[in-house]
């Protein structure tokens, strides 16, 4: 099977790419130089080069922490493209073969918006709505669409925000999640041909959230 993993050179994307290679998938793991979803020209060039795949993983880093009054017009536009419109174009135009899989890596903020992560909260939730509706259309071709919403995961991005070790001590499991755990989840779904799990959001947060659904 062929797989395309956006943001697949490190962090969660890197772990997913590695897990798919372990089950003999032909993986294209992209970096920002391969595709920059904030640049729609870059997205369109990538689609022309990579016209179809069996597995598509939509994944990108998030914006810096900012509250609503701090966000500039330029930042709204950039992350509108990076977290929303770029993904919409990929989902529309890059063909996933019948029987394939589409995963999107969003964030726990789609369930519990974070005032320090206002941009991510807004645009990841907007794409979640599009993805849910698209899953109904793609289900007719046996394409499974799965939204994974990570909580606090041990990535460079989280550590750049500071105090990761102290935060970990406050979590129910007493630790951060590991990227390889998400990679193993994706691998397990594909390896075991779990198809009826579609149109869902999987909260991946080690019991840290307070919401029920």
Protein backbone atom coordinates (compact mmCIF):
# COMPACT_ATOMS: atom_id res chain seq x y z
CA UNK A 1 0.00 0.00 0.00
CA UNK A 2 1.08 3.55 -0.68
CA UNK A 3 0.92 6.13 2.11
CA UNK A 4 1.41 9.89 2.23
CA UNK A 5 2.13 11.36 5.66
CA UNK A 6 2.21 15.14 5.90
CA UNK A 7 4.63 16.45 8.51
CA UNK A 8 6.07 12.95 8.45
CA UNK A 9 9.70 13.64 9.31
CA UNK A 10 9.37 14.15 13.07
CA UNK A 11 6.98 14.11 16.01
CA UNK A 12 3.60 12.43 15.61
CA UNK A 13 3.84 12.38 11.81
CA UNK A 14 7.29 10.81 11.97
CA UNK A 15 6.03 8.10 14.32
CA UNK A 16 3.10 7.34 11.99
CA UNK A 17 5.41 7.14 8.98
CA UNK A 18 7.72 4.74 10.82
CA UNK A 19 4.83 2.55 11.95
CA UNK A 20 3.53 2.28 8.38
CA UNK A 21 6.96 1.35 7.06
CA UNK A 22 7.02 -1.49 9.59
CA UNK A 23 4.05 -3.08 7.81
CA UNK A 24 5.67 -2.64 4.40
CA UNK A 25 3.80 0.45 3.24
CA UNK A 26 5.50 2.60 0.62
CA UNK A 27 5.60 5.84 2.62
CA UNK A 28 6.10 9.37 1.37
CA UNK A 29 6.85 11.36 4.52
CA UNK A 30 6.85 15.07 3.79
CA UNK A 31 8.55 18.03 5.39
CA UNK A 32 7.63 21.68 4.91
CA UNK A 33 9.98 21.93 1.94
CA UNK A 34 7.89 19.24 0.20
CA UNK A 35 4.53 20.82 0.99
CA UNK A 36 3.65 23.92 2.98
CA UNK A 37 -0.09 23.83 3.64
CA UNK A 38 -0.08 27.55 4.47
CA UNK A 39 0.92 28.17 0.82
CA UNK A 40 -1.86 27.11 -1.53
CA UNK A 41 0.50 27.09 -4.54
CA UNK A 42 2.65 24.57 -2.70
CA UNK A 43 -0.43 22.45 -1.97
CA UNK A 44 -1.51 22.46 -5.63
CA UNK A 45 1.98 21.53 -6.84
CA UNK A 46 2.06 18.63 -4.39
CA UNK A 47 -1.31 17.34 -5.61
CA UNK A 48 -0.11 17.40 -9.23
CA UNK A 49 2.97 15.38 -8.25
CA UNK A 50 1.19 12.92 -5.93
CA UNK A 51 -2.13 12.24 -7.57
CA UNK A 52 -3.31 9.23 -5.58
CA UNK A 53 -2.58 7.06 -2.56
CA UNK A 54 -4.07 4.33 -0.39
CA UNK A 55 -3.46 6.08 2.93
CA UNK A 56 -3.47 9.83 3.49
CA UNK A 57 -2.41 11.33 6.82
CA UNK A 58 -3.21 15.04 7.17
CA UNK A 59 -0.89 16.41 9.81
CA UNK A 60 0.75 19.77 10.42
CA UNK A 61 2.25 21.74 13.26
CA UNK A 62 0.18 24.30 15.05
CA UNK A 63 0.55 28.05 15.52
CA UNK A 64 2.31 29.66 18.48
CA UNK A 65 0.22 30.14 21.63
CA UNK A 66 -1.74 33.38 21.47
CA UNK A 67 -4.95 34.70 22.90
CA UNK A 68 -7.69 36.21 20.77
CA UNK A 69 -6.69 39.88 21.10
CA UNK A 70 -3.07 39.08 20.14
CA UNK A 71 -3.76 37.44 16.79
CA UNK A 72 -2.92 39.51 13.71
CA UNK A 73 -4.84 39.54 10.44
CA UNK A 74 -1.82 37.95 8.73
CA UNK A 75 -1.82 35.10 11.25
CA UNK A 76 -5.51 34.45 10.75
CA UNK A 77 -4.91 34.17 7.00
CA UNK A 78 -1.79 32.00 7.28
CA UNK A 79 -3.36 29.46 9.60
CA UNK A 80 -6.67 29.52 7.76
CA UNK A 81 -4.68 28.04 4.91
CA UNK A 82 -2.37 25.83 6.97
CA UNK A 83 -4.96 24.21 9.26
CA UNK A 84 -8.09 24.42 7.12
CA UNK A 85 -8.10 25.35 3.43
CA UNK A 86 -4.92 23.45 2.52
CA UNK A 87 -6.35 20.29 4.08
CA UNK A 88 -9.68 20.82 2.30
CA UNK A 89 -7.92 20.97 -1.07
CA UNK A 90 -5.93 17.82 -0.33
CA UNK A 91 -9.05 15.97 0.76
CA UNK A 92 -10.89 17.05 -2.41
CA UNK A 93 -8.17 16.71 -5.02
CA UNK A 94 -5.69 14.03 -3.92
CA UNK A 95 -7.41 10.75 -4.73
CA UNK A 96 -7.52 8.06 -2.07
CA UNK A 97 -8.10 4.69 -3.70
CA UNK A 98 -11.20 2.64 -2.87
CA UNK A 99 -10.78 0.78 0.40
CA UNK A 100 -8.21 3.26 1.68
CA UNK A 101 -7.84 5.38 4.79
CA UNK A 102 -7.70 9.06 5.63
CA UNK A 103 -6.43 10.15 9.01
CA UNK A 104 -6.31 13.72 10.28
CA UNK A 105 -4.27 14.66 13.32
CA UNK A 106 -6.06 17.52 15.05
CA UNK A 107 -5.89 18.33 18.76
CA UNK A 108 -7.79 18.04 22.03
CA UNK A 109 -8.72 21.71 21.53
CA UNK A 110 -11.49 20.64 19.14
CA UNK A 111 -13.30 19.33 22.23
CA UNK A 112 -12.08 21.82 24.82
CA UNK A 113 -11.03 25.11 23.16
CA UNK A 114 -7.97 26.61 24.80
CA UNK A 115 -7.85 30.41 25.16
CA UNK A 116 -4.06 30.32 24.67
CA UNK A 117 -4.47 28.35 21.44
CA UNK A 118 -7.25 30.36 19.84
CA UNK A 119 -6.10 29.90 16.22
CA UNK A 120 -5.71 26.15 16.54
CA UNK A 121 -9.02 25.86 18.41
CA UNK A 122 -10.84 27.69 15.62
CA UNK A 123 -9.43 26.13 12.46
CA UNK A 124 -8.92 22.56 13.66
CA UNK A 125 -12.56 22.49 14.74
CA UNK A 126 -13.65 23.93 11.38
CA UNK A 127 -11.80 21.19 9.48
CA UNK A 128 -13.24 18.55 11.82
CA UNK A 129 -16.72 19.53 10.60
CA UNK A 130 -15.67 19.25 6.95
CA UNK A 131 -13.93 15.93 7.60
CA UNK A 132 -17.03 14.50 9.30
CA UNK A 133 -19.21 15.36 6.32
CA UNK A 134 -16.64 14.11 3.80
CA UNK A 135 -16.48 10.78 5.64
CA UNK A 136 -20.09 10.10 4.66
CA UNK A 137 -19.34 10.61 0.99
CA UNK A 138 -16.12 8.57 1.09
CA UNK A 139 -17.78 5.70 2.99
CA UNK A 140 -19.47 4.64 -0.25
CA UNK A 141 -16.01 3.75 -1.55
CA UNK A 142 -15.03 1.90 1.65
CA UNK A 143 -12.64 4.72 2.61
CA UNK A 144 -12.37 5.09 6.37
CA UNK A 145 -11.91 8.60 7.79
CA UNK A 146 -10.51 8.85 11.30
CA UNK A 147 -9.79 12.00 13.29
CA UNK A 148 -7.19 11.56 16.03
CA UNK A 149 -7.26 14.38 18.60
CA UNK A 150 -4.10 14.19 20.71
CA UNK A 151 -3.76 15.70 24.13
CA UNK A 152 -0.32 16.34 25.64
CA UNK A 153 2.18 14.34 23.57
CA UNK A 154 5.94 14.26 24.04
CA UNK A 155 6.98 16.24 20.96
CA UNK A 156 9.44 19.03 20.29
CA UNK A 157 6.51 21.43 19.89
CA UNK A 158 5.20 20.70 23.38
CA UNK A 159 8.65 21.04 24.91
CA UNK A 160 9.13 24.36 23.12
CA UNK A 161 6.09 25.63 25.04
CA UNK A 162 8.00 24.93 28.27
CA UNK A 163 7.43 23.09 31.56
CA UNK A 164 6.64 19.77 29.85
CA UNK A 165 8.10 17.67 32.68
CA UNK A 166 6.16 19.58 35.31
CA UNK A 167 2.96 19.33 33.28
CA UNK A 168 3.46 15.57 32.94
CA UNK A 169 3.38 15.13 36.71
CA UNK A 170 -0.13 16.60 36.85
CA UNK A 171 -1.64 14.20 34.30
CA UNK A 172 -3.70 11.14 35.29
CA UNK A 173 -1.02 8.75 34.01
CA UNK A 174 1.79 10.87 35.39
CA UNK A 175 3.38 11.13 31.96
CA UNK A 176 3.01 12.58 28.51
CA UNK A 177 1.75 10.50 25.62
CA UNK A 178 4.38 9.22 23.20
CA UNK A 179 4.21 9.77 19.43
CA UNK A 180 4.83 6.06 18.81
CA UNK A 181 1.57 5.27 20.62
CA UNK A 182 -0.34 7.20 17.97
CA UNK A 183 1.77 5.56 15.29
CA UNK A 184 0.89 2.15 16.65
CA UNK A 185 -2.81 3.04 16.72
CA UNK A 186 -2.76 3.99 13.04
CA UNK A 187 -0.79 0.86 12.18
CA UNK A 188 -3.20 -1.36 14.10
CA UNK A 189 -6.25 0.04 12.32
CA UNK A 190 -4.70 -0.55 8.91
CA UNK A 191 -3.02 -3.86 9.69
CA UNK A 192 -6.26 -5.32 11.06
CA UNK A 193 -8.37 -3.84 8.24
CA UNK A 194 -10.70 -2.05 10.64
CA UNK A 195 -13.05 -0.35 8.19
CA UNK A 196 -16.27 0.39 10.08
CA UNK A 197 -14.51 2.83 12.38
CA UNK A 198 -15.13 5.88 10.23
CA UNK A 199 -16.41 9.40 10.73
CA UNK A 200 -15.18 9.32 14.32
CA UNK A 201 -12.90 11.38 16.53
CA UNK A 202 -10.57 9.44 18.81
CA UNK A 203 -9.56 11.42 21.87
CA UNK A 204 -5.96 10.47 22.60
CA UNK A 205 -5.26 12.16 25.90
CA UNK A 206 -4.60 9.58 28.63
CA UNK A 207 -7.87 10.34 30.46
CA UNK A 208 -6.89 13.98 30.93
CA UNK A 209 -10.02 15.55 29.43
CA UNK A 210 -13.23 16.21 31.32
CA UNK A 211 -15.71 15.95 28.44
CA UNK A 212 -17.88 12.85 28.03
CA UNK A 213 -18.35 12.83 24.24
